[in-house]
PDB file of all heavy atoms in Angstrom:
ATOM      1  N   GLN A   1       0.808  -1.209   0.000  1.00  0.00           N
ATOM      2  CA  GLN A   1       0.000   0.000   0.000  1.00  0.00           C
ATOM      3  C   GLN A   1       0.846   1.266   0.000  1.00  0.00           C
ATOM      4  O   GLN A   1       0.466   2.267  -0.627  1.00  0.00           O
ATOM      5  CB  GLN A   1      -0.935   0.014   1.214  1.00  0.00           C
ATOM      6  CG  GLN A   1      -2.041  -1.028   1.159  1.00  0.00           C
ATOM      7  CD  GLN A   1      -2.858  -1.046   2.427  1.00  0.00           C
ATOM      8  OE1 GLN A   1      -2.449  -1.601   3.452  1.00  0.00           O
ATOM      9  NE2 GLN A   1      -4.034  -0.437   2.369  1.00  0.00           N
ATOM     10  N   TYR A   2       1.969   1.270   0.723  1.00  0.00           N
ATOM     11  CA  TYR A   2       2.770   2.494   0.811  1.00  0.00           C
ATOM     12  C   TYR A   2       4.088   2.420   0.055  1.00  0.00           C
ATOM     13  O   TYR A   2       4.837   3.397   0.020  1.00  0.00           O
ATOM     14  CB  TYR A   2       3.044   2.848   2.274  1.00  0.00           C
ATOM     15  CG  TYR A   2       3.767   1.783   3.073  1.00  0.00           C
ATOM     16  CD1 TYR A   2       5.143   1.577   2.942  1.00  0.00           C
ATOM     17  CD2 TYR A   2       3.079   0.987   3.980  1.00  0.00           C
ATOM     18  CE1 TYR A   2       5.796   0.606   3.676  1.00  0.00           C
ATOM     19  CE2 TYR A   2       3.725   0.014   4.724  1.00  0.00           C
ATOM     20  CZ  TYR A   2       5.087  -0.172   4.573  1.00  0.00           C
ATOM     21  OH  TYR A   2       5.723  -1.146   5.299  1.00  0.00           O
ATOM     22  N   GLY A   3       4.392   1.283  -0.570  1.00  0.00           N
ATOM     23  CA  GLY A   3       5.638   1.153  -1.311  1.00  0.00           C
ATOM     24  C   GLY A   3       5.661   2.003  -2.568  1.00  0.00           C
ATOM     25  O   GLY A   3       4.605   2.397  -3.095  1.00  0.00           O
ATOM     26  N   PRO A   4       6.840   2.314  -3.110  1.00  0.00           N
ATOM     27  CA  PRO A   4       6.941   3.219  -4.261  1.00  0.00           C
ATOM     28  C   PRO A   4       6.611   2.576  -5.604  1.00  0.00           C
ATOM     29  O   PRO A   4       6.521   3.275  -6.605  1.00  0.00           O
ATOM     30  CB  PRO A   4       8.417   3.633  -4.216  1.00  0.00           C
ATOM     31  CG  PRO A   4       9.118   2.451  -3.606  1.00  0.00           C
ATOM     32  CD  PRO A   4       8.147   1.874  -2.605  1.00  0.00           C
ATOM     33  N   GLN A   5       6.435   1.256  -5.636  1.00  0.00           N
ATOM     34  CA  GLN A   5       6.206   0.581  -6.911  1.00  0.00           C
ATOM     35  C   GLN A   5       4.920   1.086  -7.576  1.00  0.00           C
ATOM     36  O   GLN A   5       3.849   1.050  -6.987  1.00  0.00           O
ATOM     37  CB  GLN A   5       6.105  -0.944  -6.712  1.00  0.00           C
ATOM     38  CG  GLN A   5       7.370  -1.594  -6.189  1.00  0.00           C
ATOM     39  CD  GLN A   5       7.540  -1.468  -4.691  1.00  0.00           C
ATOM     40  OE1 GLN A   5       6.640  -0.971  -4.004  1.00  0.00           O
ATOM     41  NE2 GLN A   5       8.678  -1.894  -4.193  1.00  0.00           N
ATOM     42  N   GLY A   6       5.089   1.564  -8.806  1.00  0.00           N
ATOM     43  CA  GLY A   6       3.943   2.010  -9.590  1.00  0.00           C
ATOM     44  C   GLY A   6       3.396   3.372  -9.204  1.00  0.00           C
ATOM     45  O   GLY A   6       2.338   3.770  -9.708  1.00  0.00           O
ATOM     46  N   ALA A   7       4.081   4.107  -8.344  1.00  0.00           N
ATOM     47  CA  ALA A   7       3.585   5.411  -7.900  1.00  0.00           C
ATOM     48  C   ALA A   7       3.867   6.487  -8.945  1.00  0.00           C
ATOM     49  O   ALA A   7       4.838   6.412  -9.702  1.00  0.00           O
ATOM     50  CB  ALA A   7       4.226   5.789  -6.572  1.00  0.00           C
ATOM     51  N   ASP A   8       3.014   7.502  -8.967  1.00  0.00           N
ATOM     52  CA  ASP A   8       3.152   8.643  -9.878  1.00  0.00           C
ATOM     53  C   ASP A   8       3.664   9.833  -9.058  1.00  0.00           C
ATOM     54  O   ASP A   8       2.905  10.481  -8.330  1.00  0.00           O
ATOM     55  CB  ASP A   8       1.801   8.957 -10.517  1.00  0.00           C
ATOM     56  CG  ASP A   8       1.894  10.028 -11.596  1.00  0.00           C
ATOM     57  OD1 ASP A   8       2.869  10.815 -11.575  1.00  0.00           O
ATOM     58  OD2 ASP A   8       0.996  10.087 -12.449  1.00  0.00           O
ATOM     59  N   ILE A   9       4.958  10.136  -9.181  1.00  0.00           N
ATOM     60  CA  ILE A   9       5.575  11.187  -8.369  1.00  0.00           C
ATOM     61  C   ILE A   9       5.001  12.555  -8.708  1.00  0.00           C
ATOM     62  O   ILE A   9       4.742  13.376  -7.809  1.00  0.00           O
ATOM     63  CB  ILE A   9       7.106  11.173  -8.553  1.00  0.00           C
ATOM     64  CG1 ILE A   9       7.682   9.862  -8.022  1.00  0.00           C
ATOM     65  CG2 ILE A   9       7.753  12.355  -7.849  1.00  0.00           C
ATOM     66  CD1 ILE A   9       9.180   9.715  -8.244  1.00  0.00           C
ATOM     67  N   ALA A  10       4.782  12.822  -9.988  1.00  0.00           N
ATOM     68  CA  ALA A  10       4.232  14.127 -10.396  1.00  0.00           C
ATOM     69  C   ALA A  10       2.836  14.323  -9.819  1.00  0.00           C
ATOM     70  O   ALA A  10       2.506  15.405  -9.302  1.00  0.00           O
ATOM     71  CB  ALA A  10       4.205  14.225 -11.915  1.00  0.00           C
ATOM     72  N   LYS A  11       2.021  13.300  -9.878  1.00  0.00           N
ATOM     73  CA  LYS A  11       0.681  13.372  -9.308  1.00  0.00           C
ATOM     74  C   LYS A  11       0.759  13.550  -7.796  1.00  0.00           C
ATOM     75  O   LYS A  11      -0.008  14.316  -7.192  1.00  0.00           O
ATOM     76  CB  LYS A  11      -0.095  12.097  -9.648  1.00  0.00           C
ATOM     77  CG  LYS A  11      -1.520  12.048  -9.097  1.00  0.00           C
ATOM     78  CD  LYS A  11      -2.412  13.077  -9.741  1.00  0.00           C
ATOM     79  CE  LYS A  11      -3.849  12.922  -9.292  1.00  0.00           C
ATOM     80  NZ  LYS A  11      -4.733  13.952  -9.861  1.00  0.00           N
ATOM     81  N   GLY A  12       1.715  12.861  -7.172  1.00  0.00           N
ATOM     82  CA  GLY A  12       1.897  13.005  -5.734  1.00  0.00           C
ATOM     83  C   GLY A  12       2.271  14.420  -5.339  1.00  0.00           C
ATOM     84  O   GLY A  12       1.799  14.935  -4.322  1.00  0.00           O
ATOM     85  N   GLY A  13       3.122  15.063  -6.146  1.00  0.00           N
ATOM     86  CA  GLY A  13       3.483  16.446  -5.864  1.00  0.00           C
ATOM     87  C   GLY A  13       2.288  17.378  -5.955  1.00  0.00           C
ATOM     88  O   GLY A  13       2.111  18.273  -5.123  1.00  0.00           O
ATOM     89  N   GLU A  14       1.456  17.151  -6.950  1.00  0.00           N
ATOM     90  CA  GLU A  14       0.254  17.973  -7.106  1.00  0.00           C
ATOM     91  C   GLU A  14      -0.687  17.794  -5.914  1.00  0.00           C
ATOM     92  O   GLU A  14      -1.217  18.775  -5.367  1.00  0.00           O
ATOM     93  CB  GLU A  14      -0.453  17.576  -8.398  1.00  0.00           C
ATOM     94  CG  GLU A  14      -1.741  18.333  -8.663  1.00  0.00           C
ATOM     95  CD  GLU A  14      -2.441  17.846  -9.911  1.00  0.00           C
ATOM     96  OE1 GLU A  14      -1.775  17.199 -10.753  1.00  0.00           O
ATOM     97  OE2 GLU A  14      -3.652  18.098 -10.046  1.00  0.00           O
ATOM     98  N   LEU A  15      -0.879  16.551  -5.493  1.00  0.00           N
ATOM     99  CA  LEU A  15      -1.761  16.274  -4.357  1.00  0.00           C
ATOM    100  C   LEU A  15      -1.191  16.847  -3.069  1.00  0.00           C
ATOM    101  O   LEU A  15      -1.924  17.384  -2.229  1.00  0.00           O
ATOM    102  CB  LEU A  15      -1.961  14.758  -4.212  1.00  0.00           C
ATOM    103  CG  LEU A  15      -2.783  14.082  -5.308  1.00  0.00           C
ATOM    104  CD1 LEU A  15      -2.647  12.570  -5.215  1.00  0.00           C
ATOM    105  CD2 LEU A  15      -4.247  14.496  -5.203  1.00  0.00           C
ATOM    106  N   PHE A  16       0.126  16.752  -2.896  1.00  0.00           N
ATOM    107  CA  PHE A  16       0.757  17.254  -1.674  1.00  0.00           C
ATOM    108  C   PHE A  16       0.646  18.774  -1.591  1.00  0.00           C
ATOM    109  O   PHE A  16       0.328  19.317  -0.533  1.00  0.00           O
ATOM    110  CB  PHE A  16       2.223  16.829  -1.623  1.00  0.00           C
ATOM    111  CG  PHE A  16       2.917  17.203  -0.345  1.00  0.00           C
ATOM    112  CD1 PHE A  16       2.839  16.387   0.766  1.00  0.00           C
ATOM    113  CD2 PHE A  16       3.637  18.382  -0.250  1.00  0.00           C
ATOM    114  CE1 PHE A  16       3.467  16.740   1.960  1.00  0.00           C
ATOM    115  CE2 PHE A  16       4.272  18.740   0.926  1.00  0.00           C
ATOM    116  CZ  PHE A  16       4.180  17.916   2.037  1.00  0.00           C
ATOM    117  N   ARG A  17       0.896  19.452  -2.691  1.00  0.00           N
ATOM    118  CA  ARG A  17       0.805  20.918  -2.677  1.00  0.00           C
ATOM    119  C   ARG A  17      -0.625  21.382  -2.438  1.00  0.00           C
ATOM    120  O   ARG A  17      -0.842  22.433  -1.836  1.00  0.00           O
ATOM    121  CB  ARG A  17       1.349  21.474  -3.996  1.00  0.00           C
ATOM    122  CG  ARG A  17       2.851  21.375  -4.143  1.00  0.00           C
ATOM    123  CD  ARG A  17       3.350  22.096  -5.383  1.00  0.00           C
ATOM    124  NE  ARG A  17       2.910  21.443  -6.603  1.00  0.00           N
ATOM    125  CZ  ARG A  17       3.572  20.454  -7.209  1.00  0.00           C
ATOM    126  NH1 ARG A  17       4.704  19.994  -6.677  1.00  0.00           N
ATOM    127  NH2 ARG A  17       3.121  19.920  -8.326  1.00  0.00           N
ATOM    128  N   THR A  18      -1.590  20.598  -2.874  1.00  0.00           N
ATOM    129  CA  THR A  18      -2.994  20.969  -2.693  1.00  0.00           C
ATOM    130  C   THR A  18      -3.472  20.718  -1.271  1.00  0.00           C
ATOM    131  O   THR A  18      -4.196  21.543  -0.700  1.00  0.00           O
ATOM    132  CB  THR A  18      -3.882  20.181  -3.673  1.00  0.00           C
ATOM    133  OG1 THR A  18      -3.458  20.454  -5.012  1.00  0.00           O
ATOM    134  CG2 THR A  18      -5.349  20.565  -3.516  1.00  0.00           C
ATOM    135  N   ASN A  19      -3.054  19.601  -0.671  1.00  0.00           N
ATOM    136  CA  ASN A  19      -3.631  19.165   0.601  1.00  0.00           C
ATOM    137  C   ASN A  19      -2.717  19.308   1.810  1.00  0.00           C
ATOM    138  O   ASN A  19      -3.211  19.331   2.940  1.00  0.00           O
ATOM    139  CB  ASN A  19      -4.050  17.685   0.499  1.00  0.00           C
ATOM    140  CG  ASN A  19      -5.111  17.444  -0.530  1.00  0.00           C
ATOM    141  OD1 ASN A  19      -6.285  17.699  -0.308  1.00  0.00           O
ATOM    142  ND2 ASN A  19      -4.711  16.931  -1.697  1.00  0.00           N
ATOM    143  N   CYS A  20      -1.406  19.421   1.602  1.00  0.00           N
ATOM    144  CA  CYS A  20      -0.476  19.302   2.730  1.00  0.00           C
ATOM    145  C   CYS A  20       0.498  20.470   2.870  1.00  0.00           C
ATOM    146  O   CYS A  20       0.986  20.736   3.975  1.00  0.00           O
ATOM    147  CB  CYS A  20       0.334  18.008   2.608  1.00  0.00           C
ATOM    148  SG  CYS A  20      -0.622  16.562   2.124  1.00  0.00           S
ATOM    149  N   ALA A  21       0.822  21.132   1.754  1.00  0.00           N
ATOM    150  CA  ALA A  21       1.894  22.129   1.774  1.00  0.00           C
ATOM    151  C   ALA A  21       1.576  23.337   2.632  1.00  0.00           C
ATOM    152  O   ALA A  21       2.489  24.029   3.093  1.00  0.00           O
ATOM    153  CB  ALA A  21       2.210  22.586   0.345  1.00  0.00           C
ATOM    154  N   GLN A  22       0.283  23.618   2.882  1.00  0.00           N
ATOM    155  CA  GLN A  22      -0.077  24.774   3.704  1.00  0.00           C
ATOM    156  C   GLN A  22       0.554  24.679   5.087  1.00  0.00           C
ATOM    157  O   GLN A  22       0.847  25.703   5.705  1.00  0.00           O
ATOM    158  CB  GLN A  22      -1.593  24.876   3.853  1.00  0.00           C
ATOM    159  CG  GLN A  22      -2.343  25.047   2.543  1.00  0.00           C
ATOM    160  CD  GLN A  22      -2.797  23.727   1.985  1.00  0.00           C
ATOM    161  OE1 GLN A  22      -2.093  22.737   2.073  1.00  0.00           O
ATOM    162  NE2 GLN A  22      -3.989  23.708   1.405  1.00  0.00           N
ATOM    163  N   CYS A  23       0.738  23.482   5.585  1.00  0.00           N
ATOM    164  CA  CYS A  23       1.312  23.287   6.922  1.00  0.00           C
ATOM    165  C   CYS A  23       2.734  22.736   6.863  1.00  0.00           C
ATOM    166  O   CYS A  23       3.607  23.166   7.616  1.00  0.00           O
ATOM    167  CB  CYS A  23       0.441  22.341   7.739  1.00  0.00           C
ATOM    168  SG  CYS A  23      -1.235  22.934   8.056  1.00  0.00           S
ATOM    169  N   HIS A  24       2.973  21.763   5.991  1.00  0.00           N
ATOM    170  CA  HIS A  24       4.252  21.054   5.986  1.00  0.00           C
ATOM    171  C   HIS A  24       5.289  21.656   5.054  1.00  0.00           C
ATOM    172  O   HIS A  24       6.396  21.118   4.975  1.00  0.00           O
ATOM    173  CB  HIS A  24       4.026  19.585   5.594  1.00  0.00           C
ATOM    174  CG  HIS A  24       3.349  18.775   6.656  1.00  0.00           C
ATOM    175  ND1 HIS A  24       4.000  18.325   7.795  1.00  0.00           N
ATOM    176  CD2 HIS A  24       2.075  18.334   6.757  1.00  0.00           C
ATOM    177  CE1 HIS A  24       3.155  17.628   8.541  1.00  0.00           C
ATOM    178  NE2 HIS A  24       1.981  17.624   7.945  1.00  0.00           N
ATOM    179  N   ASN A  25       4.954  22.740   4.336  1.00  0.00           N
ATOM    180  CA  ASN A  25       5.843  23.319   3.338  1.00  0.00           C
ATOM    181  C   ASN A  25       5.846  22.429   2.096  1.00  0.00           C
ATOM    182  O   ASN A  25       5.597  21.233   2.183  1.00  0.00           O
ATOM    183  CB  ASN A  25       7.262  23.484   3.907  1.00  0.00           C
ATOM    184  CG  ASN A  25       8.262  23.977   2.878  1.00  0.00           C
ATOM    185  OD1 ASN A  25       8.881  23.184   2.192  1.00  0.00           O
ATOM    186  ND2 ASN A  25       8.417  25.282   2.788  1.00  0.00           N
ATOM    187  N   PHE A  26       6.104  22.988   0.940  1.00  0.00           N
ATOM    188  CA  PHE A  26       5.939  22.233  -0.305  1.00  0.00           C
ATOM    189  C   PHE A  26       6.948  21.108  -0.463  1.00  0.00           C
ATOM    190  O   PHE A  26       6.781  20.235  -1.321  1.00  0.00           O
ATOM    191  CB  PHE A  26       5.992  23.182  -1.510  1.00  0.00           C
ATOM    192  CG  PHE A  26       7.378  23.626  -1.897  1.00  0.00           C
ATOM    193  CD1 PHE A  26       8.043  23.044  -2.952  1.00  0.00           C
ATOM    194  CD2 PHE A  26       8.005  24.651  -1.197  1.00  0.00           C
ATOM    195  CE1 PHE A  26       9.308  23.460  -3.307  1.00  0.00           C
ATOM    196  CE2 PHE A  26       9.272  25.073  -1.553  1.00  0.00           C
ATOM    197  CZ  PHE A  26       9.931  24.476  -2.609  1.00  0.00           C
ATOM    198  N   THR A  27       8.011  21.105   0.348  1.00  0.00           N
ATOM    199  CA  THR A  27       8.954  19.988   0.315  1.00  0.00           C
ATOM    200  C   THR A  27       8.886  19.137   1.574  1.00  0.00           C
ATOM    201  O   THR A  27       9.727  18.270   1.775  1.00  0.00           O
ATOM    202  CB  THR A  27      10.396  20.485   0.129  1.00  0.00           C
ATOM    203  OG1 THR A  27      10.717  21.393   1.198  1.00  0.00           O
ATOM    204  CG2 THR A  27      10.568  21.185  -1.197  1.00  0.00           C
ATOM    205  N   GLY A  28       7.895  19.390   2.427  1.00  0.00           N
ATOM    206  CA  GLY A  28       7.730  18.570   3.615  1.00  0.00           C
ATOM    207  C   GLY A  28       8.690  18.889   4.740  1.00  0.00           C
ATOM    208  O   GLY A  28       8.920  18.058   5.629  1.00  0.00           O
ATOM    209  N   LYS A  29       9.252  20.104   4.743  1.00  0.00           N
ATOM    210  CA  LYS A  29      10.202  20.465   5.793  1.00  0.00           C
ATOM    211  C   LYS A  29       9.507  20.897   7.085  1.00  0.00           C
ATOM    212  O   LYS A  29      10.162  21.106   8.097  1.00  0.00           O
ATOM    213  CB  LYS A  29      11.102  21.615   5.307  1.00  0.00           C
ATOM    214  CG  LYS A  29      12.040  21.241   4.181  1.00  0.00           C
ATOM    215  CD  LYS A  29      13.054  20.194   4.615  1.00  0.00           C
ATOM    216  CE  LYS A  29      14.177  20.028   3.605  1.00  0.00           C
ATOM    217  NZ  LYS A  29      13.706  19.502   2.302  1.00  0.00           N
ATOM    218  N   GLY A  30       8.193  21.052   7.067  1.00  0.00           N
ATOM    219  CA  GLY A  30       7.474  21.445   8.277  1.00  0.00           C
ATOM    220  C   GLY A  30       7.281  22.940   8.357  1.00  0.00           C
ATOM    221  O   GLY A  30       7.819  23.708   7.556  1.00  0.00           O
ATOM    222  N   GLY A  31       6.514  23.377   9.347  1.00  0.00           N
ATOM    223  CA  GLY A  31       6.260  24.789   9.527  1.00  0.00           C
ATOM    224  C   GLY A  31       5.512  25.056  10.813  1.00  0.00           C
ATOM    225  O   GLY A  31       5.012  24.137  11.462  1.00  0.00           O
ATOM    226  N   ALA A  32       5.451  26.319  11.203  1.00  0.00           N
ATOM    227  CA  ALA A  32       4.811  26.716  12.455  1.00  0.00           C
ATOM    228  C   ALA A  32       3.310  26.851  12.264  1.00  0.00           C
ATOM    229  O   ALA A  32       2.828  27.246  11.199  1.00  0.00           O
ATOM    230  CB  ALA A  32       5.396  28.025  12.948  1.00  0.00           C
ATOM    231  N   LEU A  33       2.574  26.520  13.338  1.00  0.00           N
ATOM    232  CA  LEU A  33       1.130  26.710  13.383  1.00  0.00           C
ATOM    233  C   LEU A  33       0.809  27.664  14.526  1.00  0.00           C
ATOM    234  O   LEU A  33       1.703  28.297  15.083  1.00  0.00           O
ATOM    235  CB  LEU A  33       0.429  25.359  13.571  1.00  0.00           C
ATOM    236  CG  LEU A  33       0.711  24.298  12.503  1.00  0.00           C
ATOM    237  CD1 LEU A  33       0.048  22.981  12.869  1.00  0.00           C
ATOM    238  CD2 LEU A  33       0.228  24.767  11.140  1.00  0.00           C
ATOM    239  N   THR A  34      -0.437  27.780  14.906  1.00  0.00           N
ATOM    240  CA  THR A  34      -0.838  28.708  15.964  1.00  0.00           C
ATOM    241  C   THR A  34      -0.658  28.096  17.346  1.00  0.00           C
ATOM    242  O   THR A  34      -0.604  26.876  17.511  1.00  0.00           O
ATOM    243  CB  THR A  34      -2.310  29.104  15.781  1.00  0.00           C
ATOM    244  OG1 THR A  34      -3.114  27.912  15.811  1.00  0.00           O
ATOM    245  CG2 THR A  34      -2.512  29.811  14.459  1.00  0.00           C
ATOM    246  N   HIS A  35      -0.567  28.969  18.358  1.00  0.00           N
ATOM    247  CA  HIS A  35      -0.528  28.575  19.774  1.00  0.00           C
ATOM    248  C   HIS A  35       0.614  27.596  20.086  1.00  0.00           C
ATOM    249  O   HIS A  35       0.445  26.668  20.873  1.00  0.00           O
ATOM    250  CB  HIS A  35      -1.861  27.955  20.192  1.00  0.00           C
ATOM    251  CG  HIS A  35      -3.045  28.843  19.944  1.00  0.00           C
ATOM    252  ND1 HIS A  35      -3.250  30.040  20.600  1.00  0.00           N
ATOM    253  CD2 HIS A  35      -4.082  28.708  19.068  1.00  0.00           C
ATOM    254  CE1 HIS A  35      -4.372  30.598  20.165  1.00  0.00           C
ATOM    255  NE2 HIS A  35      -4.892  29.822  19.239  1.00  0.00           N
ATOM    256  N   GLY A  36       1.756  27.818  19.477  1.00  0.00           N
ATOM    257  CA  GLY A  36       2.924  27.001  19.772  1.00  0.00           C
ATOM    258  C   GLY A  36       2.935  25.644  19.108  1.00  0.00           C
ATOM    259  O   GLY A  36       3.867  24.865  19.318  1.00  0.00           O
ATOM    260  N   LYS A  37       1.955  25.343  18.291  1.00  0.00           N
ATOM    261  CA  LYS A  37       1.913  24.057  17.594  1.00  0.00           C
ATOM    262  C   LYS A  37       2.695  24.158  16.285  1.00  0.00           C
ATOM    263  O   LYS A  37       3.053  25.246  15.839  1.00  0.00           O
ATOM    264  CB  LYS A  37       0.462  23.648  17.322  1.00  0.00           C
ATOM    265  CG  LYS A  37      -0.356  23.491  18.587  1.00  0.00           C
ATOM    266  CD  LYS A  37      -1.808  23.202  18.273  1.00  0.00           C
ATOM    267  CE  LYS A  37      -2.638  23.107  19.555  1.00  0.00           C
ATOM    268  NZ  LYS A  37      -4.073  22.852  19.262  1.00  0.00           N
ATOM    269  N   TYR A  38       2.949  23.026  15.675  1.00  0.00           N
ATOM    270  CA  TYR A  38       3.746  23.017  14.454  1.00  0.00           C
ATOM    271  C   TYR A  38       3.448  21.764  13.639  1.00  0.00           C
ATOM    272  O   TYR A  38       2.968  20.756  14.168  1.00  0.00           O
ATOM    273  CB  TYR A  38       5.249  23.060  14.780  1.00  0.00           C
ATOM    274  CG  TYR A  38       5.709  21.895  15.633  1.00  0.00           C
ATOM    275  CD1 TYR A  38       6.198  20.723  15.054  1.00  0.00           C
ATOM    276  CD2 TYR A  38       5.639  21.956  17.024  1.00  0.00           C
ATOM    277  CE1 TYR A  38       6.607  19.657  15.837  1.00  0.00           C
ATOM    278  CE2 TYR A  38       6.048  20.896  17.811  1.00  0.00           C
ATOM    279  CZ  TYR A  38       6.534  19.745  17.206  1.00  0.00           C
ATOM    280  OH  TYR A  38       6.926  18.688  17.987  1.00  0.00           O
ATOM    281  N   ALA A  39       3.698  21.878  12.353  1.00  0.00           N
ATOM    282  CA  ALA A  39       3.636  20.720  11.467  1.00  0.00           C
ATOM    283  C   ALA A  39       5.044  20.156  11.374  1.00  0.00           C
ATOM    284  O   ALA A  39       5.954  20.852  10.915  1.00  0.00           O
ATOM    285  CB  ALA A  39       3.131  21.132  10.086  1.00  0.00           C
ATOM    286  N   PRO A  40       5.272  18.928  11.811  1.00  0.00           N
ATOM    287  CA  PRO A  40       6.638  18.400  11.865  1.00  0.00           C
ATOM    288  C   PRO A  40       7.209  18.148  10.472  1.00  0.00           C
ATOM    289  O   PRO A  40       6.476  18.008   9.490  1.00  0.00           O
ATOM    290  CB  PRO A  40       6.464  17.088  12.627  1.00  0.00           C
ATOM    291  CG  PRO A  40       5.057  16.682  12.368  1.00  0.00           C
ATOM    292  CD  PRO A  40       4.280  17.959  12.296  1.00  0.00           C
ATOM    293  N   THR A  41       8.518  18.106  10.401  1.00  0.00           N
ATOM    294  CA  THR A  41       9.176  17.764   9.146  1.00  0.00           C
ATOM    295  C   THR A  41       8.847  16.326   8.768  1.00  0.00           C
ATOM    296  O   THR A  41       8.680  15.457   9.630  1.00  0.00           O
ATOM    297  CB  THR A  41      10.692  17.946   9.261  1.00  0.00           C
ATOM    298  OG1 THR A  41      11.304  17.536   8.015  1.00  0.00           O
ATOM    299  CG2 THR A  41      11.279  17.120  10.384  1.00  0.00           C
ATOM    300  N   LEU A  42       8.745  16.074   7.490  1.00  0.00           N
ATOM    301  CA  LEU A  42       8.468  14.732   6.987  1.00  0.00           C
ATOM    302  C   LEU A  42       9.726  14.077   6.439  1.00  0.00           C
ATOM    303  O   LEU A  42       9.660  12.956   5.930  1.00  0.00           O
ATOM    304  CB  LEU A  42       7.402  14.798   5.889  1.00  0.00           C
ATOM    305  CG  LEU A  42       6.058  15.406   6.324  1.00  0.00           C
ATOM    306  CD1 LEU A  42       5.095  15.459   5.151  1.00  0.00           C
ATOM    307  CD2 LEU A  42       5.462  14.630   7.483  1.00  0.00           C
ATOM    308  N   GLU A  43      10.840  14.761   6.560  1.00  0.00           N
ATOM    309  CA  GLU A  43      12.099  14.191   6.084  1.00  0.00           C
ATOM    310  C   GLU A  43      12.549  13.086   7.035  1.00  0.00           C
ATOM    311  O   GLU A  43      12.633  13.280   8.249  1.00  0.00           O
ATOM    312  CB  GLU A  43      13.174  15.278   6.005  1.00  0.00           C
ATOM    313  CG  GLU A  43      14.452  14.817   5.338  1.00  0.00           C
ATOM    314  CD  GLU A  43      15.416  15.968   5.105  1.00  0.00           C
ATOM    315  OE1 GLU A  43      15.114  17.083   5.557  1.00  0.00           O
ATOM    316  OE2 GLU A  43      16.461  15.745   4.472  1.00  0.00           O
TER     317      GLU A  43
END
């Protein structure tokens, strides 16, 4: 289910920027949220 075989990296980038980049940054490095919370790095 999570292995890279057969995955579409370009499609994944589009989905990540649409659904995740607001908090995790477009490369998954993480970012600050409100009230001392944060989105952790995904590296």
